Amino acid sequence: MAVEKACRRCRYVSTGADKCPACGSDDLTENWAGFVIIINPDKSEFTQLIEAKMAGKYALRIK
């Protein structure tokens, strides 16, 4: 089973990746908690708070 990792730079959660597909960073961690799924980042006020640029799963807390 692949492990989900969150990017420390942009909070994007990916499965089985060595680099973040959203920002390209290789600073990923398995130690995160809570998540939000962004469907339409252009119309969401929350995406402005976390600076999300693409649809997907984002970690709320990164430890």
N, C-alpha and C. Protein backbone atom coordinates (compact mmCIF):
# COMPACT_ATOMS: atom_id res chain seq x y z
N MET A 1 0.84 -1.18 0.00
CA MET A 1 0.00 0.00 0.00
C MET A 1 0.88 1.25 0.00
N ALA A 2 0.58 2.18 -0.87
CA ALA A 2 1.36 3.40 -0.99
C ALA A 2 1.06 4.36 0.17
N VAL A 3 2.06 5.09 0.59
CA VAL A 3 1.94 6.01 1.71
C VAL A 3 1.62 7.41 1.19
N GLU A 4 0.66 8.07 1.85
CA GLU A 4 0.35 9.44 1.50
C GLU A 4 1.33 10.37 2.20
N LYS A 5 1.87 11.32 1.46
CA LYS A 5 2.81 12.28 2.00
C LYS A 5 2.33 13.69 1.68
N ALA A 6 2.56 14.60 2.62
CA ALA A 6 2.19 16.00 2.43
C ALA A 6 3.43 16.83 2.16
N CYS A 7 3.30 17.76 1.27
CA CYS A 7 4.40 18.68 0.95
C CYS A 7 4.48 19.74 2.03
N ARG A 8 5.67 19.97 2.55
CA ARG A 8 5.85 21.00 3.58
C ARG A 8 5.76 22.40 3.01
N ARG A 9 5.94 22.56 1.73
CA ARG A 9 5.91 23.88 1.11
C ARG A 9 4.48 24.31 0.78
N CYS A 10 3.69 23.44 0.12
CA CYS A 10 2.36 23.85 -0.34
C CYS A 10 1.22 23.05 0.27
N ARG A 11 1.52 22.03 1.10
CA ARG A 11 0.54 21.21 1.81
C ARG A 11 -0.19 20.19 0.93
N TYR A 12 0.13 20.08 -0.33
CA TYR A 12 -0.54 19.13 -1.22
C TYR A 12 -0.21 17.70 -0.78
N VAL A 13 -1.23 16.84 -0.73
CA VAL A 13 -1.05 15.45 -0.32
C VAL A 13 -1.02 14.56 -1.55
N SER A 14 0.03 13.76 -1.68
CA SER A 14 0.16 12.86 -2.82
C SER A 14 0.45 11.44 -2.32
N THR A 15 0.19 10.49 -3.17
CA THR A 15 0.37 9.09 -2.82
C THR A 15 1.53 8.51 -3.62
N GLY A 16 2.53 8.00 -2.92
CA GLY A 16 3.64 7.31 -3.54
C GLY A 16 4.54 8.17 -4.42
N ALA A 17 4.59 9.46 -4.17
CA ALA A 17 5.42 10.35 -4.97
C ALA A 17 6.70 10.72 -4.23
N ASP A 18 7.77 10.99 -4.97
CA ASP A 18 9.02 11.46 -4.38
C ASP A 18 9.13 12.98 -4.47
N LYS A 19 8.32 13.58 -5.37
CA LYS A 19 8.26 15.02 -5.54
C LYS A 19 6.81 15.45 -5.53
N CYS A 20 6.57 16.64 -5.06
CA CYS A 20 5.21 17.17 -5.02
C CYS A 20 4.74 17.48 -6.44
N PRO A 21 3.59 16.94 -6.85
CA PRO A 21 3.10 17.23 -8.19
C PRO A 21 2.58 18.66 -8.34
N ALA A 22 2.31 19.34 -7.23
CA ALA A 22 1.78 20.70 -7.31
C ALA A 22 2.88 21.76 -7.44
N CYS A 23 3.95 21.63 -6.63
CA CYS A 23 4.98 22.68 -6.64
C CYS A 23 6.38 22.17 -7.01
N GLY A 24 6.57 20.85 -7.07
CA GLY A 24 7.85 20.29 -7.46
C GLY A 24 8.85 20.10 -6.32
N SER A 25 8.46 20.45 -5.10
CA SER A 25 9.35 20.32 -3.95
C SER A 25 9.57 18.84 -3.61
N ASP A 26 10.74 18.53 -3.06
CA ASP A 26 10.99 17.17 -2.60
C ASP A 26 10.96 17.08 -1.07
N ASP A 27 10.46 18.13 -0.42
CA ASP A 27 10.34 18.17 1.04
C ASP A 27 8.97 17.64 1.45
N LEU A 28 8.82 16.31 1.45
CA LEU A 28 7.56 15.65 1.77
C LEU A 28 7.66 14.96 3.12
N THR A 29 6.53 14.85 3.81
CA THR A 29 6.50 14.20 5.11
C THR A 29 5.27 13.31 5.25
N GLU A 30 5.43 12.25 6.01
CA GLU A 30 4.31 11.36 6.32
C GLU A 30 3.60 11.80 7.59
N ASN A 31 4.15 12.78 8.28
CA ASN A 31 3.65 13.23 9.56
C ASN A 31 2.76 14.46 9.39
N TRP A 32 1.49 14.22 9.06
CA TRP A 32 0.52 15.29 8.88
C TRP A 32 -0.83 14.85 9.41
N ALA A 33 -1.72 15.80 9.64
CA ALA A 33 -3.03 15.47 10.20
C ALA A 33 -4.10 16.36 9.58
N GLY A 34 -5.27 15.79 9.38
CA GLY A 34 -6.40 16.52 8.82
C GLY A 34 -6.20 16.87 7.37
N PHE A 35 -7.28 16.93 6.63
CA PHE A 35 -7.16 17.31 5.23
C PHE A 35 -8.44 17.96 4.73
N VAL A 36 -8.32 18.66 3.65
CA VAL A 36 -9.44 19.27 2.95
C VAL A 36 -9.27 18.92 1.47
N ILE A 37 -10.37 18.66 0.80
CA ILE A 37 -10.32 18.37 -0.62
C ILE A 37 -10.85 19.59 -1.37
N ILE A 38 -10.03 20.13 -2.23
CA ILE A 38 -10.38 21.29 -3.03
C ILE A 38 -10.84 20.79 -4.41
N ILE A 39 -12.05 21.16 -4.79
CA ILE A 39 -12.58 20.74 -6.08
C ILE A 39 -12.44 21.83 -7.12
N ASN A 40 -12.79 23.06 -6.75
CA ASN A 40 -12.71 24.18 -7.68
C ASN A 40 -11.93 25.32 -7.03
N PRO A 41 -10.62 25.35 -7.21
CA PRO A 41 -9.79 26.35 -6.51
C PRO A 41 -10.08 27.79 -6.94
N ASP A 42 -10.62 28.00 -8.12
CA ASP A 42 -10.89 29.36 -8.59
C ASP A 42 -12.05 30.02 -7.84
N LYS A 43 -12.99 29.23 -7.33
CA LYS A 43 -14.17 29.78 -6.68
C LYS A 43 -14.17 29.62 -5.16
N SER A 44 -13.09 29.13 -4.58
CA SER A 44 -13.04 28.86 -3.15
C SER A 44 -12.24 29.94 -2.43
N GLU A 45 -12.82 30.50 -1.37
CA GLU A 45 -12.10 31.47 -0.55
C GLU A 45 -11.02 30.77 0.29
N PHE A 46 -11.26 29.53 0.65
CA PHE A 46 -10.30 28.78 1.46
C PHE A 46 -8.98 28.57 0.72
N THR A 47 -9.06 28.39 -0.59
CA THR A 47 -7.82 28.18 -1.36
C THR A 47 -6.93 29.41 -1.32
N GLN A 48 -7.51 30.57 -1.15
CA GLN A 48 -6.70 31.78 -1.03
C GLN A 48 -5.95 31.79 0.30
N LEU A 49 -6.56 31.26 1.35
CA LEU A 49 -5.91 31.20 2.65
C LEU A 49 -4.70 30.27 2.65
N ILE A 50 -4.84 29.11 2.01
CA ILE A 50 -3.73 28.16 1.99
C ILE A 50 -2.91 28.25 0.71
N GLU A 51 -3.28 29.18 -0.15
CA GLU A 51 -2.57 29.43 -1.41
C GLU A 51 -2.52 28.20 -2.31
N ALA A 52 -3.64 27.49 -2.39
CA ALA A 52 -3.73 26.31 -3.25
C ALA A 52 -3.95 26.76 -4.69
N LYS A 53 -3.23 26.15 -5.60
CA LYS A 53 -3.32 26.54 -7.00
C LYS A 53 -4.02 25.51 -7.88
N MET A 54 -4.17 24.28 -7.36
CA MET A 54 -4.81 23.24 -8.16
C MET A 54 -5.74 22.41 -7.29
N ALA A 55 -6.68 21.74 -7.91
CA ALA A 55 -7.62 20.88 -7.19
C ALA A 55 -6.86 19.69 -6.61
N GLY A 56 -7.34 19.20 -5.47
CA GLY A 56 -6.72 18.03 -4.86
C GLY A 56 -6.89 18.02 -3.36
N LYS A 57 -6.11 17.18 -2.71
CA LYS A 57 -6.16 16.97 -1.26
C LYS A 57 -5.03 17.74 -0.60
N TYR A 58 -5.36 18.53 0.43
CA TYR A 58 -4.37 19.37 1.11
C TYR A 58 -4.40 19.09 2.61
N ALA A 59 -3.23 18.99 3.21
CA ALA A 59 -3.10 18.75 4.65
C ALA A 59 -3.41 20.04 5.42
N LEU A 60 -4.10 19.89 6.54
CA LEU A 60 -4.40 21.04 7.39
C LEU A 60 -3.28 21.32 8.38
N ARG A 61 -2.67 20.25 8.91
CA ARG A 61 -1.58 20.43 9.87
C ARG A 61 -0.42 19.54 9.47
N ILE A 62 0.74 20.12 9.37
CA ILE A 62 1.96 19.36 9.07
C ILE A 62 2.86 19.46 10.28
N LYS A 63 3.26 18.29 10.77
CA LYS A 63 4.09 18.23 11.98
C LYS A 63 5.55 18.15 11.64
